[in-house]
Amino acid sequence: MAEHENSIGASDDWYTPPALFDALGLTFDLDPCSPGPGHWVPARAIYTKADDGLSQPWAGCVFMNPPFGGRHGHVPWLQKFLAHGNGVAIVRAYTSAGWFHDLAVHAETMLFPRGKTKFIRPDGTIGTAPGHGIVLLGMGRAANEALRRSGLGLFVPLKAVIVASIRRRRPGEIGQVLEQAWQGMRSGVDLADPAGQGHSAPHRGGRVRCSVR
């Protein structure tokens, strides 16, 4: 389900386009906002609206495209996602909104897809381009790496990732880390592994397990 059409509260049923999952190359442990079994979100376990995924325990790496259900209906979902700390979430790229500065900026990474993502209606038809963009929020090593390598748009490592990298460096190398952070926003440099060693890109012919942080 999703929050991404123009008419706020008109419908919760807007599905994430499959091409996004192809770009991420991940299999998630849980989709807590699933429309039901057999949906194309690559998740091993799901909660549906009837299950009330917001009140259920979450485990592993989650994919969260929250229902809107009102002007700030997504906020409790975003709070739970950040507290859980492992997975990928989609929210509106409302960078002027209070909730964005109070919550979204606490993700470890962000990815702003190019253009306006067209979501899918329950009948399979494609919605028109919404009046705003979206941002994908990353938490956990596997999710962050998938966003960085997806090629979907602008990847932004946030403070948590930069600080973690600085802590692994000697004092004289801090300037290099900050330069890599800037380059990462421009070209996708991995702060944890700037030389590209020890990581493999998602396999386009299959998916990798997302639950390892």
Protein backbone atom coordinates (compact mmCIF):
# COMPACT_ATOMS: atom_id res chain seq x y z
CA MET A 1 0.00 0.00 0.00
CA ALA A 2 1.11 3.58 -0.40
CA GLU A 3 0.65 7.23 0.39
CA HIS A 4 1.64 8.74 -2.88
CA GLU A 5 -1.32 10.00 -4.91
CA ASN A 6 -2.58 13.57 -5.02
CA SER A 7 -5.83 13.03 -3.10
CA ILE A 8 -4.74 12.63 0.51
CA GLY A 9 -6.76 9.94 2.26
CA ALA A 10 -8.65 8.99 -0.92
CA SER A 11 -7.05 5.56 -1.15
CA ASP A 12 -4.37 3.54 0.59
CA ASP A 13 -4.09 1.15 -2.33
CA TRP A 14 -1.21 2.33 -4.48
CA TYR A 15 1.45 -0.32 -5.02
CA THR A 16 5.19 0.09 -5.47
CA PRO A 17 6.24 -0.51 -9.10
CA PRO A 18 8.10 -3.81 -9.61
CA ALA A 19 10.98 -2.05 -11.37
CA LEU A 20 12.02 -0.54 -8.06
CA PHE A 21 12.54 -3.99 -6.55
CA ASP A 22 14.46 -5.10 -9.64
CA ALA A 23 16.85 -2.18 -9.11
CA LEU A 24 17.32 -2.94 -5.40
CA GLY A 25 17.93 -6.63 -5.98
CA LEU A 26 16.87 -7.58 -2.45
CA THR A 27 14.61 -10.14 -0.86
CA PHE A 28 13.12 -8.70 2.32
CA ASP A 29 12.20 -10.57 5.47
CA LEU A 30 8.94 -8.68 5.98
CA ASP A 31 6.44 -6.44 4.22
CA PRO A 32 4.30 -5.04 7.06
CA CYS A 33 1.98 -3.15 4.67
CA SER A 34 1.22 -5.89 2.17
CA PRO A 35 -1.95 -5.96 0.01
CA GLY A 36 -1.96 -9.74 0.39
CA PRO A 37 -0.30 -13.06 -0.47
CA GLY A 38 1.10 -13.42 -3.97
CA HIS A 39 1.90 -9.73 -4.38
CA TRP A 40 5.15 -8.89 -6.19
CA VAL A 41 6.96 -7.35 -3.21
CA PRO A 42 9.86 -9.80 -2.61
CA ALA A 43 9.24 -10.51 1.07
CA ARG A 44 9.32 -13.81 2.96
CA ALA A 45 6.62 -12.75 5.43
CA ILE A 46 3.80 -10.21 5.25
CA TYR A 47 1.25 -8.39 7.36
CA THR A 48 -1.94 -7.21 5.66
CA LYS A 49 -4.39 -4.52 6.70
CA ALA A 50 -6.36 -7.18 8.57
CA ASP A 51 -3.22 -8.11 10.55
CA ASP A 52 -2.57 -4.48 11.56
CA GLY A 53 1.15 -4.56 10.80
CA LEU A 54 1.75 -1.44 12.86
CA SER A 55 0.88 -3.29 16.06
CA GLN A 56 2.72 -6.50 15.13
CA PRO A 57 6.36 -7.37 15.94
CA TRP A 58 8.80 -6.78 13.10
CA ALA A 59 11.82 -8.96 12.45
CA GLY A 60 14.67 -8.79 9.96
CA CYS A 61 14.93 -6.48 6.99
CA VAL A 62 11.60 -4.84 6.12
CA PHE A 63 10.20 -3.10 3.08
CA MET A 64 7.68 -0.46 4.12
CA ASN A 65 5.40 1.46 1.80
CA PRO A 66 2.96 2.74 4.42
CA PRO A 67 -0.74 3.45 4.03
CA PHE A 68 -1.58 7.12 4.31
CA GLY A 69 -5.07 7.11 5.79
CA GLY A 70 -5.07 10.82 6.58
CA ARG A 71 -2.76 13.79 6.49
CA HIS A 72 -0.12 12.28 8.80
CA GLY A 73 -1.21 8.65 8.78
CA HIS A 74 2.24 7.52 7.72
CA VAL A 75 4.00 9.06 10.74
CA PRO A 76 3.46 6.17 13.21
CA TRP A 77 4.73 3.76 10.56
CA LEU A 78 7.82 5.86 9.96
CA GLN A 79 8.48 6.04 13.70
CA LYS A 80 8.32 2.27 13.95
CA PHE A 81 10.54 1.80 10.91
CA LEU A 82 13.26 4.05 12.34
CA ALA A 83 13.06 2.34 15.73
CA HIS A 84 13.33 -1.05 14.01
CA GLY A 85 16.41 0.14 12.14
CA ASN A 86 16.64 -2.38 9.31
CA GLY A 87 15.18 -2.07 5.82
CA VAL A 88 13.87 0.31 3.16
CA ALA A 89 10.91 2.66 3.51
CA ILE A 90 9.17 4.91 0.99
CA VAL A 91 7.75 8.30 1.95
CA ARG A 92 6.96 11.53 0.16
CA ALA A 93 9.91 13.81 -0.44
CA TYR A 94 8.25 16.63 1.49
CA THR A 95 11.46 18.27 2.62
CA SER A 96 9.60 21.29 4.03
CA ALA A 97 7.29 19.25 6.25
CA GLY A 98 7.83 19.07 9.98
CA TRP A 99 7.63 15.26 10.05
CA PHE A 100 10.40 15.06 7.43
CA HIS A 101 12.81 17.03 9.62
CA ASP A 102 11.66 15.35 12.83
CA LEU A 103 11.82 11.79 11.50
CA ALA A 104 13.02 11.13 7.96
CA VAL A 105 16.40 12.76 8.50
CA HIS A 106 17.18 10.13 11.14
CA ALA A 107 17.46 7.43 8.50
CA GLU A 108 21.00 6.29 7.72
CA THR A 109 20.69 6.92 3.99
CA MET A 110 18.27 8.48 1.52
CA LEU A 111 17.74 7.90 -2.17
CA PHE A 112 15.78 10.39 -4.28
CA PRO A 113 14.63 8.63 -7.48
CA ARG A 114 14.79 10.52 -10.75
CA GLY A 115 11.45 11.87 -11.88
CA LYS A 116 8.09 11.12 -10.28
CA THR A 117 7.45 7.49 -9.49
CA LYS A 118 4.19 6.15 -10.93
CA PHE A 119 2.50 3.73 -8.54
CA ILE A 120 0.22 0.85 -9.49
CA ARG A 121 -3.52 0.63 -8.84
CA PRO A 122 -5.07 -2.59 -7.51
CA ASP A 123 -6.47 -3.33 -10.98
CA GLY A 124 -2.95 -3.26 -12.44
CA THR A 125 -3.22 0.07 -14.22
CA ILE A 126 -0.49 2.65 -13.74
CA GLY A 127 -1.33 5.88 -11.96
CA THR A 128 -0.56 9.26 -13.42
CA ALA A 129 2.56 11.07 -12.29
CA PRO A 130 1.87 12.40 -8.78
CA GLY A 131 2.40 16.04 -7.91
CA HIS A 132 5.52 15.29 -5.86
CA GLY A 133 8.51 12.98 -5.68
CA ILE A 134 9.35 10.26 -3.18
CA VAL A 135 12.39 9.34 -1.16
CA LEU A 136 13.59 5.89 -0.16
CA LEU A 137 14.98 5.69 3.37
CA GLY A 138 17.63 3.14 4.23
CA MET A 139 18.49 1.53 7.55
CA GLY A 140 21.06 -1.25 7.96
CA ARG A 141 24.08 -2.17 5.88
CA ALA A 142 22.37 -4.35 3.27
CA ALA A 143 19.58 -1.85 2.64
CA ASN A 144 21.99 1.09 2.45
CA GLU A 145 24.23 -0.74 0.02
CA ALA A 146 21.28 -1.70 -2.17
CA LEU A 147 20.11 1.90 -2.36
CA ARG A 148 23.61 3.11 -3.18
CA ARG A 149 24.05 0.64 -6.03
CA SER A 150 20.52 0.78 -7.41
CA GLY A 151 21.13 3.54 -9.96
CA LEU A 152 17.66 4.91 -9.25
CA GLY A 153 18.76 8.47 -8.49
CA LEU A 154 20.56 10.66 -5.97
CA PHE A 155 22.00 8.67 -3.05
CA VAL A 156 22.64 10.63 0.16
CA PRO A 157 24.56 9.12 3.11
CA LEU A 158 23.41 10.80 6.30
CA LYS A 159 25.20 11.56 9.56
CA ALA A 160 24.98 8.09 11.06
CA VAL A 161 26.86 6.55 8.16
CA ILE A 162 29.44 9.35 8.01
CA VAL A 163 30.09 9.23 11.76
CA ALA A 164 30.46 5.45 11.71
CA SER A 165 33.03 5.79 8.95
CA ILE A 166 34.92 8.56 10.77
CA ARG A 167 35.18 6.40 13.88
CA ARG A 168 37.03 3.76 11.88
CA ARG A 169 39.60 6.26 10.59
CA ARG A 170 42.66 7.96 12.02
CA PRO A 171 42.32 11.70 12.76
CA GLY A 172 44.30 12.68 9.67
CA GLU A 173 41.85 10.80 7.43
CA ILE A 174 38.66 12.61 8.49
CA GLY A 175 38.92 15.13 5.67
CA GLN A 176 39.10 12.23 3.23
CA VAL A 177 35.90 10.74 4.72
CA LEU A 178 34.01 14.02 4.30
CA GLU A 179 35.21 14.32 0.73
CA GLN A 180 33.99 10.77 0.09
CA ALA A 181 30.61 11.72 1.57
CA TRP A 182 30.31 14.48 -1.02
CA GLN A 183 31.42 12.17 -3.79
CA GLY A 184 28.97 9.55 -2.54
CA MET A 185 26.08 11.96 -3.03
CA ARG A 186 27.28 12.60 -6.56
CA SER A 187 28.36 9.17 -7.72
CA GLY A 188 27.54 6.51 -5.14
CA VAL A 189 30.83 6.02 -3.25
CA ASP A 190 30.46 3.57 -0.37
CA LEU A 191 31.78 5.29 2.76
CA ALA A 192 32.26 1.97 4.47
CA ASP A 193 34.24 0.57 1.56
CA PRO A 194 35.47 3.37 -0.76
CA ALA A 195 37.75 1.03 -2.69
CA GLY A 196 34.85 -1.24 -3.53
CA GLN A 197 36.40 -4.26 -1.82
CA GLY A 198 34.35 -6.85 -0.04
CA HIS A 199 31.01 -5.90 -1.62
CA SER A 200 29.28 -7.19 -4.69
CA ALA A 201 26.58 -5.42 -6.65
CA PRO A 202 23.08 -6.88 -6.51
CA HIS A 203 22.67 -9.66 -9.03
CA ARG A 204 20.32 -8.44 -11.76
CA GLY A 205 19.28 -12.00 -12.46
CA GLY A 206 18.26 -12.66 -8.85
CA ARG A 207 18.01 -11.14 -5.39
CA VAL A 208 20.25 -11.09 -2.36
CA ARG A 209 19.15 -11.60 1.25
CA CYS A 210 18.52 -8.29 2.94
CA SER A 211 18.53 -9.38 6.56
CA VAL A 212 22.30 -9.17 7.13
CA ARG A 213 23.07 -5.70 8.49
